[in-house]
Amino acid sequence: MADEILRDYQHVVSSFTLIMGDKGVFDVRVDGELIYSKHAEGRHAYPEEVGRLFREYIGPDVPTYS
């Protein structure tokens, strides 16, 4: 998850920090905006789900790093 985002969007992401909560619960926020919550979903994210949500959040006009 983080490695894909940092690789593909290194020109727009200056840092990535995962902060875990109790019992493995975690949230993913971009610029303070919640894009995924394990607590709300009641499950871990599917493979590639957080990356997809991140790409949807930043929009189609932001190209990947080449």
PDB file of N, CA and C in Angstrom:
ATOM      1  N   MET A   1       0.831  -1.183   0.000  1.00  0.00           N
ATOM      2  CA  MET A   1       0.000   0.000   0.000  1.00  0.00           C
ATOM      3  C   MET A   1       0.876   1.247   0.000  1.00  0.00           C
ATOM      4  N   ALA A   2       1.632   1.458   1.047  1.00  0.00           N
ATOM      5  CA  ALA A   2       2.433   2.677   1.157  1.00  0.00           C
ATOM      6  C   ALA A   2       3.510   2.732   0.090  1.00  0.00           C
ATOM      7  N   ASP A   3       4.135   1.590  -0.207  1.00  0.00           N
ATOM      8  CA  ASP A   3       5.209   1.611  -1.195  1.00  0.00           C
ATOM      9  C   ASP A   3       4.690   1.978  -2.579  1.00  0.00           C
ATOM     10  N   GLU A   4       3.495   1.516  -2.945  1.00  0.00           N
ATOM     11  CA  GLU A   4       2.889   1.870  -4.239  1.00  0.00           C
ATOM     12  C   GLU A   4       2.602   3.368  -4.305  1.00  0.00           C
ATOM     13  N   ILE A   5       2.013   3.897  -3.262  1.00  0.00           N
ATOM     14  CA  ILE A   5       1.674   5.320  -3.244  1.00  0.00           C
ATOM     15  C   ILE A   5       2.936   6.169  -3.286  1.00  0.00           C
ATOM     16  N   LEU A   6       3.925   5.810  -2.479  1.00  0.00           N
ATOM     17  CA  LEU A   6       5.170   6.587  -2.456  1.00  0.00           C
ATOM     18  C   LEU A   6       5.919   6.477  -3.774  1.00  0.00           C
ATOM     19  N   ARG A   7       5.891   5.319  -4.417  1.00  0.00           N
ATOM     20  CA  ARG A   7       6.569   5.143  -5.702  1.00  0.00           C
ATOM     21  C   ARG A   7       5.858   5.936  -6.804  1.00  0.00           C
ATOM     22  N   ASP A   8       4.552   5.752  -6.919  1.00  0.00           N
ATOM     23  CA  ASP A   8       3.805   6.342  -8.025  1.00  0.00           C
ATOM     24  C   ASP A   8       3.507   7.822  -7.852  1.00  0.00           C
ATOM     25  N   TYR A   9       3.486   8.295  -6.617  1.00  0.00           N
ATOM     26  CA  TYR A   9       3.113   9.689  -6.354  1.00  0.00           C
ATOM     27  C   TYR A   9       4.166  10.418  -5.531  1.00  0.00           C
ATOM     28  N   GLN A  10       5.426  10.049  -5.714  1.00  0.00           N
ATOM     29  CA  GLN A  10       6.496  10.673  -4.944  1.00  0.00           C
ATOM     30  C   GLN A  10       6.620  12.161  -5.222  1.00  0.00           C
ATOM     31  N   HIS A  11       6.103  12.627  -6.321  1.00  0.00           N
ATOM     32  CA  HIS A  11       6.157  14.049  -6.661  1.00  0.00           C
ATOM     33  C   HIS A  11       5.063  14.848  -5.958  1.00  0.00           C
ATOM     34  N   VAL A  12       4.092  14.183  -5.304  1.00  0.00           N
ATOM     35  CA  VAL A  12       3.033  14.908  -4.590  1.00  0.00           C
ATOM     36  C   VAL A  12       2.903  14.498  -3.121  1.00  0.00           C
ATOM     37  N   VAL A  13       3.551  13.390  -2.719  1.00  0.00           N
ATOM     38  CA  VAL A  13       3.486  12.917  -1.335  1.00  0.00           C
ATOM     39  C   VAL A  13       4.853  13.124  -0.701  1.00  0.00           C
ATOM     40  N   SER A  14       4.904  13.974   0.314  1.00  0.00           N
ATOM     41  CA  SER A  14       6.192  14.231   0.958  1.00  0.00           C
ATOM     42  C   SER A  14       6.462  13.247   2.088  1.00  0.00           C
ATOM     43  N   SER A  15       5.416  12.691   2.688  1.00  0.00           N
ATOM     44  CA  SER A  15       5.616  11.696   3.736  1.00  0.00           C
ATOM     45  C   SER A  15       4.363  10.852   3.878  1.00  0.00           C
ATOM     46  N   PHE A  16       4.548   9.679   4.458  1.00  0.00           N
ATOM     47  CA  PHE A  16       3.452   8.742   4.669  1.00  0.00           C
ATOM     48  C   PHE A  16       3.667   8.125   6.039  1.00  0.00           C
ATOM     49  N   THR A  17       2.690   8.259   6.916  1.00  0.00           N
ATOM     50  CA  THR A  17       2.808   7.730   8.264  1.00  0.00           C
ATOM     51  C   THR A  17       1.567   6.922   8.587  1.00  0.00           C
ATOM     52  N   LEU A  18       1.762   5.704   9.048  1.00  0.00           N
ATOM     53  CA  LEU A  18       0.650   4.869   9.484  1.00  0.00           C
ATOM     54  C   LEU A  18       0.631   4.874  11.002  1.00  0.00           C
ATOM     55  N   ILE A  19      -0.478   5.283  11.570  1.00  0.00           N
ATOM     56  CA  ILE A  19      -0.629   5.315  13.019  1.00  0.00           C
ATOM     57  C   ILE A  19      -1.697   4.304  13.390  1.00  0.00           C
ATOM     58  N   MET A  20      -1.283   3.287  14.103  1.00  0.00           N
ATOM     59  CA  MET A  20      -2.182   2.214  14.491  1.00  0.00           C
ATOM     60  C   MET A  20      -2.945   2.591  15.753  1.00  0.00           C
ATOM     61  N   GLY A  21      -4.171   2.112  15.826  1.00  0.00           N
ATOM     62  CA  GLY A  21      -4.971   2.274  17.029  1.00  0.00           C
ATOM     63  C   GLY A  21      -4.964   0.979  17.821  1.00  0.00           C
ATOM     64  N   ASP A  22      -5.868   0.869  18.768  1.00  0.00           N
ATOM     65  CA  ASP A  22      -5.982  -0.336  19.572  1.00  0.00           C
ATOM     66  C   ASP A  22      -6.523  -1.496  18.755  1.00  0.00           C
ATOM     67  N   LYS A  23      -6.075  -2.705  19.067  1.00  0.00           N
ATOM     68  CA  LYS A  23      -6.582  -3.941  18.467  1.00  0.00           C
ATOM     69  C   LYS A  23      -6.468  -3.962  16.950  1.00  0.00           C
ATOM     70  N   GLY A  24      -5.418  -3.351  16.402  1.00  0.00           N
ATOM     71  CA  GLY A  24      -5.187  -3.390  14.964  1.00  0.00           C
ATOM     72  C   GLY A  24      -6.061  -2.468  14.137  1.00  0.00           C
ATOM     73  N   VAL A  25      -6.840  -1.626  14.785  1.00  0.00           N
ATOM     74  CA  VAL A  25      -7.694  -0.690  14.058  1.00  0.00           C
ATOM     75  C   VAL A  25      -6.822   0.436  13.509  1.00  0.00           C
ATOM     76  N   PHE A  26      -7.107   0.859  12.288  1.00  0.00           N
ATOM     77  CA  PHE A  26      -6.357   1.962  11.702  1.00  0.00           C
ATOM     78  C   PHE A  26      -7.250   2.750  10.753  1.00  0.00           C
ATOM     79  N   ASP A  27      -6.889   3.991  10.554  1.00  0.00           N
ATOM     80  CA  ASP A  27      -7.538   4.864   9.583  1.00  0.00           C
ATOM     81  C   ASP A  27      -6.479   5.309   8.587  1.00  0.00           C
ATOM     82  N   VAL A  28      -6.914   5.602   7.381  1.00  0.00           N
ATOM     83  CA  VAL A  28      -6.033   6.200   6.381  1.00  0.00           C
ATOM     84  C   VAL A  28      -6.622   7.554   6.043  1.00  0.00           C
ATOM     85  N   ARG A  29      -5.820   8.591   6.252  1.00  0.00           N
ATOM     86  CA  ARG A  29      -6.261   9.955   5.976  1.00  0.00           C
ATOM     87  C   ARG A  29      -5.299  10.607   4.994  1.00  0.00           C
ATOM     88  N   VAL A  30      -5.853  11.425   4.137  1.00  0.00           N
ATOM     89  CA  VAL A  30      -5.062  12.221   3.194  1.00  0.00           C
ATOM     90  C   VAL A  30      -5.457  13.673   3.433  1.00  0.00           C
ATOM     91  N   ASP A  31      -4.471  14.483   3.776  1.00  0.00           N
ATOM     92  CA  ASP A  31      -4.737  15.895   4.090  1.00  0.00           C
ATOM     93  C   ASP A  31      -5.853  16.030   5.124  1.00  0.00           C
ATOM     94  N   GLY A  32      -5.884  15.123   6.086  1.00  0.00           N
ATOM     95  CA  GLY A  32      -6.878  15.157   7.146  1.00  0.00           C
ATOM     96  C   GLY A  32      -8.212  14.521   6.781  1.00  0.00           C
ATOM     97  N   GLU A  33      -8.388  14.164   5.518  1.00  0.00           N
ATOM     98  CA  GLU A  33      -9.636  13.569   5.039  1.00  0.00           C
ATOM     99  C   GLU A  33      -9.568  12.040   5.148  1.00  0.00           C
ATOM    100  N   LEU A  34     -10.534  11.455   5.820  1.00  0.00           N
ATOM    101  CA  LEU A  34     -10.581  10.004   5.995  1.00  0.00           C
ATOM    102  C   LEU A  34     -10.928   9.336   4.671  1.00  0.00           C
ATOM    103  N   ILE A  35     -10.043   8.437   4.200  1.00  0.00           N
ATOM    104  CA  ILE A  35     -10.360   7.704   2.969  1.00  0.00           C
ATOM    105  C   ILE A  35     -10.608   6.221   3.234  1.00  0.00           C
ATOM    106  N   TYR A  36     -10.142   5.705   4.393  1.00  0.00           N
ATOM    107  CA  TYR A  36     -10.429   4.320   4.756  1.00  0.00           C
ATOM    108  C   TYR A  36     -10.366   4.175   6.270  1.00  0.00           C
ATOM    109  N   SER A  37     -11.313   3.446   6.831  1.00  0.00           N
ATOM    110  CA  SER A  37     -11.328   3.168   8.260  1.00  0.00           C
ATOM    111  C   SER A  37     -11.602   1.690   8.474  1.00  0.00           C
ATOM    112  N   LYS A  38     -10.652   1.004   9.073  1.00  0.00           N
ATOM    113  CA  LYS A  38     -10.862  -0.404   9.374  1.00  0.00           C
ATOM    114  C   LYS A  38     -12.010  -0.555  10.367  1.00  0.00           C
ATOM    115  N   HIS A  39     -12.096   0.342  11.316  1.00  0.00           N
ATOM    116  CA  HIS A  39     -13.169   0.283  12.309  1.00  0.00           C
ATOM    117  C   HIS A  39     -14.541   0.424  11.635  1.00  0.00           C
ATOM    118  N   ALA A  40     -14.675   1.390  10.742  1.00  0.00           N
ATOM    119  CA  ALA A  40     -15.959   1.612  10.072  1.00  0.00           C
ATOM    120  C   ALA A  40     -16.315   0.464   9.135  1.00  0.00           C
ATOM    121  N   GLU A  41     -15.307  -0.075   8.437  1.00  0.00           N
ATOM    122  CA  GLU A  41     -15.547  -1.165   7.488  1.00  0.00           C
ATOM    123  C   GLU A  41     -15.672  -2.515   8.182  1.00  0.00           C
ATOM    124  N   GLY A  42     -15.052  -2.627   9.359  1.00  0.00           N
ATOM    125  CA  GLY A  42     -15.088  -3.892  10.089  1.00  0.00           C
ATOM    126  C   GLY A  42     -14.199  -4.966   9.493  1.00  0.00           C
ATOM    127  N   ARG A  43     -13.215  -4.541   8.697  1.00  0.00           N
ATOM    128  CA  ARG A  43     -12.314  -5.495   8.038  1.00  0.00           C
ATOM    129  C   ARG A  43     -11.043  -4.776   7.596  1.00  0.00           C
ATOM    130  N   HIS A  44     -10.025  -5.599   7.287  1.00  0.00           N
ATOM    131  CA  HIS A  44      -8.822  -5.050   6.668  1.00  0.00           C
ATOM    132  C   HIS A  44      -9.156  -4.627   5.246  1.00  0.00           C
ATOM    133  N   ALA A  45      -8.384  -3.728   4.707  1.00  0.00           N
ATOM    134  CA  ALA A  45      -8.569  -3.312   3.316  1.00  0.00           C
ATOM    135  C   ALA A  45      -8.186  -4.464   2.393  1.00  0.00           C
ATOM    136  N   TYR A  46      -8.876  -4.566   1.288  1.00  0.00           N
ATOM    137  CA  TYR A  46      -8.520  -5.554   0.269  1.00  0.00           C
ATOM    138  C   TYR A  46      -7.220  -5.125  -0.391  1.00  0.00           C
ATOM    139  N   PRO A  47      -6.485  -6.076  -0.986  1.00  0.00           N
ATOM    140  CA  PRO A  47      -5.263  -5.695  -1.697  1.00  0.00           C
ATOM    141  C   PRO A  47      -5.569  -4.595  -2.725  1.00  0.00           C
ATOM    142  N   GLU A  48      -4.741  -3.596  -2.766  1.00  0.00           N
ATOM    143  CA  GLU A  48      -4.850  -2.466  -3.691  1.00  0.00           C
ATOM    144  C   GLU A  48      -5.992  -1.497  -3.377  1.00  0.00           C
ATOM    145  N   GLU A  49      -6.807  -1.771  -2.356  1.00  0.00           N
ATOM    146  CA  GLU A  49      -7.952  -0.916  -2.067  1.00  0.00           C
ATOM    147  C   GLU A  49      -7.537   0.490  -1.625  1.00  0.00           C
ATOM    148  N   VAL A  50      -6.579   0.583  -0.740  1.00  0.00           N
ATOM    149  CA  VAL A  50      -6.168   1.900  -0.245  1.00  0.00           C
ATOM    150  C   VAL A  50      -5.514   2.701  -1.367  1.00  0.00           C
ATOM    151  N   GLY A  51      -4.725   2.045  -2.201  1.00  0.00           N
ATOM    152  CA  GLY A  51      -4.140   2.734  -3.350  1.00  0.00           C
ATOM    153  C   GLY A  51      -5.210   3.275  -4.282  1.00  0.00           C
ATOM    154  N   ARG A  52      -6.241   2.485  -4.541  1.00  0.00           N
ATOM    155  CA  ARG A  52      -7.350   2.923  -5.395  1.00  0.00           C
ATOM    156  C   ARG A  52      -8.074   4.113  -4.766  1.00  0.00           C
ATOM    157  N   LEU A  53      -8.337   4.019  -3.463  1.00  0.00           N
ATOM    158  CA  LEU A  53      -9.007   5.113  -2.770  1.00  0.00           C
ATOM    159  C   LEU A  53      -8.168   6.394  -2.799  1.00  0.00           C
ATOM    160  N   PHE A  54      -6.848   6.240  -2.655  1.00  0.00           N
ATOM    161  CA  PHE A  54      -5.950   7.390  -2.727  1.00  0.00           C
ATOM    162  C   PHE A  54      -6.011   8.025  -4.106  1.00  0.00           C
ATOM    163  N   ARG A  55      -5.933   7.205  -5.149  1.00  0.00           N
ATOM    164  CA  ARG A  55      -5.995   7.732  -6.518  1.00  0.00           C
ATOM    165  C   ARG A  55      -7.335   8.434  -6.775  1.00  0.00           C
ATOM    166  N   GLU A  56      -8.420   7.871  -6.264  1.00  0.00           N
ATOM    167  CA  GLU A  56      -9.722   8.525  -6.413  1.00  0.00           C
ATOM    168  C   GLU A  56      -9.743   9.871  -5.683  1.00  0.00           C
ATOM    169  N   TYR A  57      -9.126   9.908  -4.505  1.00  0.00           N
ATOM    170  CA  TYR A  57      -9.122  11.140  -3.712  1.00  0.00           C
ATOM    171  C   TYR A  57      -8.340  12.253  -4.415  1.00  0.00           C
ATOM    172  N   ILE A  58      -7.137  11.939  -4.933  1.00  0.00           N
ATOM    173  CA  ILE A  58      -6.332  13.004  -5.541  1.00  0.00           C
ATOM    174  C   ILE A  58      -6.817  13.367  -6.936  1.00  0.00           C
ATOM    175  N   GLY A  59      -7.597  12.498  -7.553  1.00  0.00           N
ATOM    176  CA  GLY A  59      -8.214  12.799  -8.839  1.00  0.00           C
ATOM    177  C   GLY A  59      -7.398  12.370 -10.039  1.00  0.00           C
ATOM    178  N   PRO A  60      -8.057  12.300 -11.169  1.00  0.00           N
ATOM    179  CA  PRO A  60      -7.417  11.798 -12.387  1.00  0.00           C
ATOM    180  C   PRO A  60      -6.418  12.761 -13.024  1.00  0.00           C
ATOM    181  N   ASP A  61      -6.422  14.010 -12.596  1.00  0.00           N
ATOM    182  CA  ASP A  61      -5.511  15.005 -13.200  1.00  0.00           C
ATOM    183  C   ASP A  61      -4.089  14.924 -12.661  1.00  0.00           C
ATOM    184  N   VAL A  62      -3.877  14.149 -11.600  1.00  0.00           N
ATOM    185  CA  VAL A  62      -2.532  14.012 -11.030  1.00  0.00           C
ATOM    186  C   VAL A  62      -1.891  12.778 -11.644  1.00  0.00           C
ATOM    187  N   PRO A  63      -0.879  12.983 -12.493  1.00  0.00           N
ATOM    188  CA  PRO A  63      -0.232  11.841 -13.148  1.00  0.00           C
ATOM    189  C   PRO A  63       0.665  11.078 -12.175  1.00  0.00           C
ATOM    190  N   THR A  64       0.926   9.837 -12.494  1.00  0.00           N
ATOM    191  CA  THR A  64       1.888   9.066 -11.702  1.00  0.00           C
ATOM    192  C   THR A  64       3.287   9.522 -12.079  1.00  0.00           C
ATOM    193  N   TYR A  65       4.218   9.282 -11.180  1.00  0.00           N
ATOM    194  CA  TYR A  65       5.624   9.670 -11.388  1.00  0.00           C
ATOM    195  C   TYR A  65       6.232   8.804 -12.478  1.00  0.00           C
ATOM    196  N   SER A  66       6.936   9.423 -13.399  1.00  0.00           N
ATOM    197  CA  SER A  66       7.583   8.632 -14.446  1.00  0.00           C
ATOM    198  C   SER A  66       9.073   8.697 -14.331  1.00  0.00           C
TER     199      SER A  66
END
